[in-house]
PDB file of N, CA and C in Angstrom:
ATOM      1  N   MET A   1       0.846  -1.178   0.000  1.00  0.00           N
ATOM      2  CA  MET A   1       0.000  -0.002   0.002  1.00  0.00           C
ATOM      3  C   MET A   1       0.892   1.239   0.001  1.00  0.00           C
ATOM      4  N   HIS A   2       0.541   2.187  -0.829  1.00  0.00           N
ATOM      5  CA  HIS A   2       1.291   3.445  -0.870  1.00  0.00           C
ATOM      6  C   HIS A   2       0.668   4.410   0.143  1.00  0.00           C
ATOM      7  N   PRO A   3       1.488   5.063   0.954  1.00  0.00           N
ATOM      8  CA  PRO A   3       0.936   5.957   1.970  1.00  0.00           C
ATOM      9  C   PRO A   3       0.132   7.122   1.396  1.00  0.00           C
ATOM     10  N   TYR A   4       0.404   7.537   0.166  1.00  0.00           N
ATOM     11  CA  TYR A   4      -0.380   8.613  -0.439  1.00  0.00           C
ATOM     12  C   TYR A   4      -1.805   8.159  -0.720  1.00  0.00           C
ATOM     13  N   ILE A   5      -1.991   6.879  -1.024  1.00  0.00           N
ATOM     14  CA  ILE A   5      -3.337   6.349  -1.249  1.00  0.00           C
ATOM     15  C   ILE A   5      -4.115   6.350   0.061  1.00  0.00           C
ATOM     16  N   VAL A   6      -3.483   5.922   1.134  1.00  0.00           N
ATOM     17  CA  VAL A   6      -4.147   5.940   2.434  1.00  0.00           C
ATOM     18  C   VAL A   6      -4.533   7.380   2.802  1.00  0.00           C
ATOM     19  N   ALA A   7      -3.648   8.316   2.552  1.00  0.00           N
ATOM     20  CA  ALA A   7      -3.934   9.727   2.851  1.00  0.00           C
ATOM     21  C   ALA A   7      -5.087  10.243   1.999  1.00  0.00           C
ATOM     22  N   GLU A   8      -5.115   9.870   0.717  1.00  0.00           N
ATOM     23  CA  GLU A   8      -6.234  10.277  -0.147  1.00  0.00           C
ATOM     24  C   GLU A   8      -7.551   9.707   0.376  1.00  0.00           C
ATOM     25  N   LEU A   9      -7.526   8.432   0.763  1.00  0.00           N
ATOM     26  CA  LEU A   9      -8.740   7.809   1.310  1.00  0.00           C
ATOM     27  C   LEU A   9      -9.161   8.486   2.614  1.00  0.00           C
ATOM     28  N   ALA A  10      -8.194   8.865   3.428  1.00  0.00           N
ATOM     29  CA  ALA A  10      -8.487   9.523   4.707  1.00  0.00           C
ATOM     30  C   ALA A  10      -9.166  10.875   4.498  1.00  0.00           C
ATOM     31  N   LEU A  11      -8.972  11.482   3.351  1.00  0.00           N
ATOM     32  CA  LEU A  11      -9.607  12.765   3.062  1.00  0.00           C
ATOM     33  C   LEU A  11     -11.079  12.624   2.663  1.00  0.00           C
ATOM     34  N   GLY A  12     -11.496  11.398   2.387  1.00  0.00           N
ATOM     35  CA  GLY A  12     -12.868  11.165   1.948  1.00  0.00           C
ATOM     36  C   GLY A  12     -13.762  10.680   3.062  1.00  0.00           C
ATOM     37  N   SER A  13     -14.989  10.356   2.679  1.00  0.00           N
ATOM     38  CA  SER A  13     -15.973   9.801   3.611  1.00  0.00           C
ATOM     39  C   SER A  13     -15.826   8.294   3.620  1.00  0.00           C
ATOM     40  N   LEU A  14     -15.510   7.750   4.758  1.00  0.00           N
ATOM     41  CA  LEU A  14     -15.326   6.314   4.884  1.00  0.00           C
ATOM     42  C   LEU A  14     -16.311   5.749   5.891  1.00  0.00           C
ATOM     43  N   ARG A  15     -16.909   4.640   5.528  1.00  0.00           N
ATOM     44  CA  ARG A  15     -17.738   3.910   6.485  1.00  0.00           C
ATOM     45  C   ARG A  15     -16.779   3.243   7.462  1.00  0.00           C
ATOM     46  N   ASP A  16     -17.104   3.248   8.712  1.00  0.00           N
ATOM     47  CA  ASP A  16     -16.265   2.638   9.746  1.00  0.00           C
ATOM     48  C   ASP A  16     -14.825   3.161   9.619  1.00  0.00           C
ATOM     49  N   ARG A  17     -14.724   4.469   9.563  1.00  0.00           N
ATOM     50  CA  ARG A  17     -13.492   5.201   9.292  1.00  0.00           C
ATOM     51  C   ARG A  17     -12.299   4.743  10.110  1.00  0.00           C
ATOM     52  N   THR A  18     -12.447   4.680  11.410  1.00  0.00           N
ATOM     53  CA  THR A  18     -11.318   4.362  12.284  1.00  0.00           C
ATOM     54  C   THR A  18     -10.756   2.979  11.995  1.00  0.00           C
ATOM     55  N   SER A  19     -11.618   1.975  11.911  1.00  0.00           N
ATOM     56  CA  SER A  19     -11.108   0.618  11.672  1.00  0.00           C
ATOM     57  C   SER A  19     -10.611   0.447  10.238  1.00  0.00           C
ATOM     58  N   THR A  20     -11.228   1.105   9.273  1.00  0.00           N
ATOM     59  CA  THR A  20     -10.767   1.013   7.885  1.00  0.00           C
ATOM     60  C   THR A  20      -9.365   1.575   7.752  1.00  0.00           C
ATOM     61  N   LEU A  21      -9.131   2.744   8.308  1.00  0.00           N
ATOM     62  CA  LEU A  21      -7.806   3.358   8.230  1.00  0.00           C
ATOM     63  C   LEU A  21      -6.788   2.550   9.032  1.00  0.00           C
ATOM     64  N   ALA A  22      -7.194   2.007  10.159  1.00  0.00           N
ATOM     65  CA  ALA A  22      -6.296   1.166  10.955  1.00  0.00           C
ATOM     66  C   ALA A  22      -5.896  -0.075  10.162  1.00  0.00           C
ATOM     67  N   PHE A  23      -6.855  -0.694   9.469  1.00  0.00           N
ATOM     68  CA  PHE A  23      -6.564  -1.865   8.648  1.00  0.00           C
ATOM     69  C   PHE A  23      -5.584  -1.505   7.530  1.00  0.00           C
ATOM     70  N   LEU A  24      -5.833  -0.399   6.840  1.00  0.00           N
ATOM     71  CA  LEU A  24      -4.950   0.013   5.741  1.00  0.00           C
ATOM     72  C   LEU A  24      -3.533   0.287   6.253  1.00  0.00           C
ATOM     73  N   ASP A  25      -3.427   0.815   7.459  1.00  0.00           N
ATOM     74  CA  ASP A  25      -2.112   1.083   8.045  1.00  0.00           C
ATOM     75  C   ASP A  25      -1.340  -0.194   8.367  1.00  0.00           C
ATOM     76  N   LEU A  26      -2.049  -1.315   8.479  1.00  0.00           N
ATOM     77  CA  LEU A  26      -1.397  -2.601   8.758  1.00  0.00           C
ATOM     78  C   LEU A  26      -0.835  -3.280   7.503  1.00  0.00           C
ATOM     79  N   LEU A  27      -1.268  -2.832   6.342  1.00  0.00           N
ATOM     80  CA  LEU A  27      -0.785  -3.437   5.096  1.00  0.00           C
ATOM     81  C   LEU A  27       0.693  -3.107   4.879  1.00  0.00           C
ATOM     82  N   PRO A  28       1.416  -3.965   4.178  1.00  0.00           N
ATOM     83  CA  PRO A  28       2.816  -3.653   3.852  1.00  0.00           C
ATOM     84  C   PRO A  28       2.895  -2.325   3.095  1.00  0.00           C
ATOM     85  N   GLN A  29       3.866  -1.516   3.471  1.00  0.00           N
ATOM     86  CA  GLN A  29       4.005  -0.185   2.876  1.00  0.00           C
ATOM     87  C   GLN A  29       5.011  -0.190   1.726  1.00  0.00           C
ATOM     88  N   ALA A  30       4.634   0.438   0.643  1.00  0.00           N
ATOM     89  CA  ALA A  30       5.520   0.580  -0.506  1.00  0.00           C
ATOM     90  C   ALA A  30       6.594   1.621  -0.203  1.00  0.00           C
ATOM     91  N   LYS A  31       7.773   1.422  -0.787  1.00  0.00           N
ATOM     92  CA  LYS A  31       8.815   2.452  -0.698  1.00  0.00           C
ATOM     93  C   LYS A  31       8.325   3.664  -1.476  1.00  0.00           C
ATOM     94  N   VAL A  32       8.547   4.843  -0.912  1.00  0.00           N
ATOM     95  CA  VAL A  32       8.119   6.089  -1.541  1.00  0.00           C
ATOM     96  C   VAL A  32       9.325   6.719  -2.224  1.00  0.00           C
ATOM     97  N   ALA A  33       9.143   7.119  -3.457  1.00  0.00           N
ATOM     98  CA  ALA A  33      10.227   7.746  -4.215  1.00  0.00           C
ATOM     99  C   ALA A  33      10.519   9.150  -3.712  1.00  0.00           C
ATOM    100  N   GLN A  34      11.766   9.527  -3.762  1.00  0.00           N
ATOM    101  CA  GLN A  34      12.175  10.899  -3.470  1.00  0.00           C
ATOM    102  C   GLN A  34      11.696  11.798  -4.614  1.00  0.00           C
ATOM    103  N   SER A  35      11.496  13.066  -4.331  1.00  0.00           N
ATOM    104  CA  SER A  35      11.059  14.005  -5.378  1.00  0.00           C
ATOM    105  C   SER A  35      12.015  14.012  -6.563  1.00  0.00           C
ATOM    106  N   SER A  36      13.304  13.937  -6.297  1.00  0.00           N
ATOM    107  CA  SER A  36      14.283  13.934  -7.383  1.00  0.00           C
ATOM    108  C   SER A  36      14.154  12.678  -8.244  1.00  0.00           C
ATOM    109  N   GLU A  37      13.835  11.554  -7.624  1.00  0.00           N
ATOM    110  CA  GLU A  37      13.638  10.304  -8.379  1.00  0.00           C
ATOM    111  C   GLU A  37      12.405  10.393  -9.276  1.00  0.00           C
ATOM    112  N   VAL A  38      11.350  10.999  -8.747  1.00  0.00           N
ATOM    113  CA  VAL A  38      10.131  11.155  -9.539  1.00  0.00           C
ATOM    114  C   VAL A  38      10.411  12.077 -10.725  1.00  0.00           C
ATOM    115  N   ARG A  39      11.105  13.151 -10.470  1.00  0.00           N
ATOM    116  CA  ARG A  39      11.441  14.113 -11.539  1.00  0.00           C
ATOM    117  C   ARG A  39      12.272  13.451 -12.622  1.00  0.00           C
ATOM    118  N   GLN A  40      13.270  12.668 -12.232  1.00  0.00           N
ATOM    119  CA  GLN A  40      14.093  11.956 -13.223  1.00  0.00           C
ATOM    120  C   GLN A  40      13.253  10.948 -14.009  1.00  0.00           C
ATOM    121  N   MET A  41      12.362  10.267 -13.330  1.00  0.00           N
ATOM    122  CA  MET A  41      11.519   9.291 -13.996  1.00  0.00           C
ATOM    123  C   MET A  41      10.575   9.949 -14.993  1.00  0.00           C
ATOM    124  N   ILE A  42      10.039  11.106 -14.642  1.00  0.00           N
ATOM    125  CA  ILE A  42       9.161  11.851 -15.560  1.00  0.00           C
ATOM    126  C   ILE A  42       9.877  12.087 -16.880  1.00  0.00           C
ATOM    127  N   GLU A  43      11.123  12.508 -16.815  1.00  0.00           N
ATOM    128  CA  GLU A  43      11.887  12.762 -18.040  1.00  0.00           C
ATOM    129  C   GLU A  43      12.249  11.462 -18.756  1.00  0.00           C
ATOM    130  N   ALA A  44      12.753  10.492 -18.001  1.00  0.00           N
ATOM    131  CA  ALA A  44      13.229   9.244 -18.610  1.00  0.00           C
ATOM    132  C   ALA A  44      12.095   8.455 -19.269  1.00  0.00           C
ATOM    133  N   ARG A  45      10.888   8.506 -18.699  1.00  0.00           N
ATOM    134  CA  ARG A  45       9.756   7.724 -19.216  1.00  0.00           C
ATOM    135  C   ARG A  45       8.771   8.579 -20.016  1.00  0.00           C
ATOM    136  N   CYS A  46       9.153   9.828 -20.273  1.00  0.00           N
ATOM    137  CA  CYS A  46       8.313  10.762 -21.064  1.00  0.00           C
ATOM    138  C   CYS A  46       6.886  10.839 -20.495  1.00  0.00           C
ATOM    139  N   LEU A  47       6.783  11.111 -19.194  1.00  0.00           N
ATOM    140  CA  LEU A  47       5.491  11.162 -18.544  1.00  0.00           C
ATOM    141  C   LEU A  47       4.826  12.533 -18.587  1.00  0.00           C
ATOM    142  N   TYR A  48       5.505  13.506 -19.137  1.00  0.00           N
ATOM    143  CA  TYR A  48       4.954  14.847 -19.244  1.00  0.00           C
ATOM    144  C   TYR A  48       3.894  14.882 -20.356  1.00  0.00           C
ATOM    145  N   SER A  49       2.947  15.793 -20.211  1.00  0.00           N
ATOM    146  CA  SER A  49       1.861  15.982 -21.181  1.00  0.00           C
ATOM    147  C   SER A  49       1.020  14.726 -21.382  1.00  0.00           C
ATOM    148  N   GLN A  50       0.895  13.907 -20.350  1.00  0.00           N
ATOM    149  CA  GLN A  50       0.105  12.682 -20.435  1.00  0.00           C
ATOM    150  C   GLN A  50      -1.204  12.791 -19.659  1.00  0.00           C
ATOM    151  N   GLY A  51      -1.427  13.935 -18.988  1.00  0.00           N
ATOM    152  CA  GLY A  51      -2.667  14.133 -18.253  1.00  0.00           C
ATOM    153  C   GLY A  51      -2.685  13.493 -16.878  1.00  0.00           C
ATOM    154  N   ILE A  52      -1.495  13.136 -16.367  1.00  0.00           N
ATOM    155  CA  ILE A  52      -1.424  12.582 -15.012  1.00  0.00           C
ATOM    156  C   ILE A  52      -0.845  13.648 -14.080  1.00  0.00           C
ATOM    157  N   GLY A  53      -1.073  13.469 -12.797  1.00  0.00           N
ATOM    158  CA  GLY A  53      -0.600  14.433 -11.814  1.00  0.00           C
ATOM    159  C   GLY A  53       0.580  13.910 -11.007  1.00  0.00           C
ATOM    160  N   LEU A  54       0.995  14.700 -10.050  1.00  0.00           N
ATOM    161  CA  LEU A  54       2.155  14.372  -9.234  1.00  0.00           C
ATOM    162  C   LEU A  54       1.945  13.095  -8.420  1.00  0.00           C
ATOM    163  N   ILE A  55       0.782  12.936  -7.823  1.00  0.00           N
ATOM    164  CA  ILE A  55       0.529  11.709  -7.051  1.00  0.00           C
ATOM    165  C   ILE A  55       0.598  10.498  -7.974  1.00  0.00           C
ATOM    166  N   ASP A  56       0.030  10.620  -9.174  1.00  0.00           N
ATOM    167  CA  ASP A  56       0.106   9.533 -10.148  1.00  0.00           C
ATOM    168  C   ASP A  56       1.559   9.192 -10.477  1.00  0.00           C
ATOM    169  N   ALA A  57       2.364  10.204 -10.679  1.00  0.00           N
ATOM    170  CA  ALA A  57       3.788   9.981 -10.985  1.00  0.00           C
ATOM    171  C   ALA A  57       4.484   9.300  -9.806  1.00  0.00           C
ATOM    172  N   HIS A  58       4.123   9.680  -8.589  1.00  0.00           N
ATOM    173  CA  HIS A  58       4.689   9.020  -7.408  1.00  0.00           C
ATOM    174  C   HIS A  58       4.287   7.542  -7.363  1.00  0.00           C
ATOM    175  N   LEU A  59       3.050   7.239  -7.709  1.00  0.00           N
ATOM    176  CA  LEU A  59       2.590   5.842  -7.719  1.00  0.00           C
ATOM    177  C   LEU A  59       3.352   5.027  -8.778  1.00  0.00           C
ATOM    178  N   ILE A  60       3.575   5.621  -9.921  1.00  0.00           N
ATOM    179  CA  ILE A  60       4.349   4.939 -10.968  1.00  0.00           C
ATOM    180  C   ILE A  60       5.769   4.690 -10.484  1.00  0.00           C
ATOM    181  N   ALA A  61       6.385   5.702  -9.894  1.00  0.00           N
ATOM    182  CA  ALA A  61       7.755   5.549  -9.381  1.00  0.00           C
ATOM    183  C   ALA A  61       7.810   4.466  -8.312  1.00  0.00           C
ATOM    184  N   ALA A  62       6.828   4.445  -7.428  1.00  0.00           N
ATOM    185  CA  ALA A  62       6.800   3.427  -6.369  1.00  0.00           C
ATOM    186  C   ALA A  62       6.667   2.027  -6.959  1.00  0.00           C
ATOM    187  N   THR A  63       5.951   1.912  -8.050  1.00  0.00           N
ATOM    188  CA  THR A  63       5.811   0.604  -8.711  1.00  0.00           C
ATOM    189  C   THR A  63       7.180   0.103  -9.160  1.00  0.00           C
ATOM    190  N   TYR A  64       7.990   0.994  -9.694  1.00  0.00           N
ATOM    191  CA  TYR A  64       9.340   0.609 -10.113  1.00  0.00           C
ATOM    192  C   TYR A  64      10.257   0.318  -8.917  1.00  0.00           C
ATOM    193  N   LEU A  65      10.038   1.007  -7.800  1.00  0.00           N
ATOM    194  CA  LEU A  65      10.872   0.806  -6.614  1.00  0.00           C
ATOM    195  C   LEU A  65      10.499  -0.442  -5.818  1.00  0.00           C
ATOM    196  N   ASN A  66       9.336  -1.015  -6.111  1.00  0.00           N
ATOM    197  CA  ASN A  66       8.828  -2.143  -5.334  1.00  0.00           C
ATOM    198  C   ASN A  66       8.464  -3.333  -6.226  1.00  0.00           C
ATOM    199  N   PRO A  67       9.433  -3.860  -6.994  1.00  0.00           N
ATOM    200  CA  PRO A  67       9.106  -4.987  -7.861  1.00  0.00           C
ATOM    201  C   PRO A  67       8.745  -6.203  -7.028  1.00  0.00           C
ATOM    202  N   PRO A  68       7.864  -7.055  -7.463  1.00  0.00           N
ATOM    203  CA  PRO A  68       7.173  -7.088  -8.759  1.00  0.00           C
ATOM    204  C   PRO A  68       5.814  -6.398  -8.718  1.00  0.00           C
ATOM    205  N   THR A  69       5.697  -5.343  -7.952  1.00  0.00           N
ATOM    206  CA  THR A  69       4.450  -4.606  -7.813  1.00  0.00           C
ATOM    207  C   THR A  69       3.942  -4.107  -9.161  1.00  0.00           C
ATOM    208  N   LEU A  70       2.621  -4.167  -9.329  1.00  0.00           N
ATOM    209  CA  LEU A  70       1.952  -3.585 -10.493  1.00  0.00           C
ATOM    210  C   LEU A  70       0.938  -2.564  -9.998  1.00  0.00           C
ATOM    211  N   LEU A  71       0.560  -1.673 -10.870  1.00  0.00           N
ATOM    212  CA  LEU A  71      -0.360  -0.587 -10.520  1.00  0.00           C
ATOM    213  C   LEU A  71      -1.774  -0.951 -10.944  1.00  0.00           C
ATOM    214  N   TRP A  72      -2.708  -0.838 -10.013  1.00  0.00           N
ATOM    215  CA  TRP A  72      -4.113  -1.116 -10.283  1.00  0.00           C
ATOM    216  C   TRP A  72      -4.872   0.188 -10.105  1.00  0.00           C
ATOM    217  N   THR A  73      -5.520   0.645 -11.174  1.00  0.00           N
ATOM    218  CA  THR A  73      -6.257   1.895 -11.110  1.00  0.00           C
ATOM    219  C   THR A  73      -7.431   1.858 -12.072  1.00  0.00           C
ATOM    220  N   LYS A  74      -8.455   2.621 -11.748  1.00  0.00           N
ATOM    221  CA  LYS A  74      -9.575   2.803 -12.648  1.00  0.00           C
ATOM    222  C   LYS A  74      -9.507   4.175 -13.326  1.00  0.00           C
ATOM    223  N   ASP A  75      -8.511   4.979 -12.934  1.00  0.00           N
ATOM    224  CA  ASP A  75      -8.309   6.278 -13.560  1.00  0.00           C
ATOM    225  C   ASP A  75      -7.835   6.054 -15.001  1.00  0.00           C
ATOM    226  N   LYS A  76      -8.589   6.575 -15.964  1.00  0.00           N
ATOM    227  CA  LYS A  76      -8.314   6.288 -17.377  1.00  0.00           C
ATOM    228  C   LYS A  76      -6.933   6.740 -17.829  1.00  0.00           C
ATOM    229  N   ARG A  77      -6.550   7.929 -17.454  1.00  0.00           N
ATOM    230  CA  ARG A  77      -5.244   8.441 -17.913  1.00  0.00           C
ATOM    231  C   ARG A  77      -4.085   7.701 -17.248  1.00  0.00           C
ATOM    232  N   LEU A  78      -4.197   7.495 -15.947  1.00  0.00           N
ATOM    233  CA  LEU A  78      -3.139   6.766 -15.247  1.00  0.00           C
ATOM    234  C   LEU A  78      -3.057   5.333 -15.765  1.00  0.00           C
ATOM    235  N   ARG A  79      -4.203   4.748 -16.012  1.00  0.00           N
ATOM    236  CA  ARG A  79      -4.210   3.374 -16.549  1.00  0.00           C
ATOM    237  C   ARG A  79      -3.524   3.310 -17.907  1.00  0.00           C
ATOM    238  N   ALA A  80      -3.817   4.261 -18.769  1.00  0.00           N
ATOM    239  CA  ALA A  80      -3.203   4.286 -20.109  1.00  0.00           C
ATOM    240  C   ALA A  80      -1.691   4.391 -20.012  1.00  0.00           C
ATOM    241  N   VAL A  81      -1.205   5.245 -19.120  1.00  0.00           N
ATOM    242  CA  VAL A  81       0.251   5.389 -18.952  1.00  0.00           C
ATOM    243  C   VAL A  81       0.836   4.108 -18.375  1.00  0.00           C
ATOM    244  N   ALA A  82       0.190   3.546 -17.364  1.00  0.00           N
ATOM    245  CA  ALA A  82       0.682   2.315 -16.749  1.00  0.00           C
ATOM    246  C   ALA A  82       0.704   1.166 -17.755  1.00  0.00           C
ATOM    247  N   GLU A  83      -0.310   1.089 -18.600  1.00  0.00           N
ATOM    248  CA  GLU A  83      -0.333   0.055 -19.644  1.00  0.00           C
ATOM    249  C   GLU A  83       0.827   0.235 -20.616  1.00  0.00           C
ATOM    250  N   ARG A  84       1.050   1.492 -21.036  1.00  0.00           N
ATOM    251  CA  ARG A  84       2.151   1.786 -21.952  1.00  0.00           C
ATOM    252  C   ARG A  84       3.495   1.388 -21.340  1.00  0.00           C
ATOM    253  N   LEU A  85       3.623   1.578 -20.039  1.00  0.00           N
ATOM    254  CA  LEU A  85       4.881   1.245 -19.352  1.00  0.00           C
ATOM    255  C   LEU A  85       4.986  -0.237 -18.968  1.00  0.00           C
ATOM    256  N   GLY A  86       3.893  -0.971 -19.152  1.00  0.00           N
ATOM    257  CA  GLY A  86       3.894  -2.391 -18.803  1.00  0.00           C
ATOM    258  C   GLY A  86       3.828  -2.663 -17.314  1.00  0.00           C
ATOM    259  N   ILE A  87       3.232  -1.735 -16.562  1.00  0.00           N
ATOM    260  CA  ILE A  87       3.159  -1.903 -15.107  1.00  0.00           C
ATOM    261  C   ILE A  87       1.719  -1.919 -14.590  1.00  0.00           C
ATOM    262  N   HIS A  88       0.744  -2.066 -15.474  1.00  0.00           N
ATOM    263  CA  HIS A  88      -0.653  -2.088 -15.048  1.00  0.00           C
ATOM    264  C   HIS A  88      -1.100  -3.500 -14.716  1.00  0.00           C
ATOM    265  N   ALA A  89      -1.769  -3.645 -13.576  1.00  0.00           N
ATOM    266  CA  ALA A  89      -2.324  -4.950 -13.176  1.00  0.00           C
ATOM    267  C   ALA A  89      -3.684  -5.110 -13.819  1.00  0.00           C
ATOM    268  N   ASN A  90      -3.878  -6.172 -14.508  1.00  0.00           N
ATOM    269  CA  ASN A  90      -5.156  -6.430 -15.165  1.00  0.00           C
ATOM    270  C   ASN A  90      -6.105  -7.132 -14.230  1.00  0.00           C
ATOM    271  N   LEU A  91      -6.660  -6.374 -13.291  1.00  0.00           N
ATOM    272  CA  LEU A  91      -7.610  -6.898 -12.334  1.00  0.00           C
ATOM    273  C   LEU A  91      -8.995  -6.418 -12.693  1.00  0.00           C
ATOM    274  N   PRO A  92     -10.024  -7.066 -12.206  1.00  0.00           N
ATOM    275  CA  PRO A  92     -11.415  -6.654 -12.541  1.00  0.00           C
ATOM    276  C   PRO A  92     -11.750  -5.269 -12.042  1.00  0.00           C
TER     277      PRO A  92
END
């Protein structure tokens, strides 16, 4: 689990909020990329002008830092980039 995802979920309305967040905090944590690593990856993988944001770029970088992790998303733009990079998980 990436800590930015838990933080994003914490900003929303959650049923059984306390126990849901506590459960998510128990999951194995992904290594988080440094800002400089994300910036280098943006250039190296041509991630600019793809319609993704900084959090998305961090998730992509974390996928590379945590092999054999794959990225699972329903976000259309992030999914398209992840598919192009070969790091998208084909889950339902």
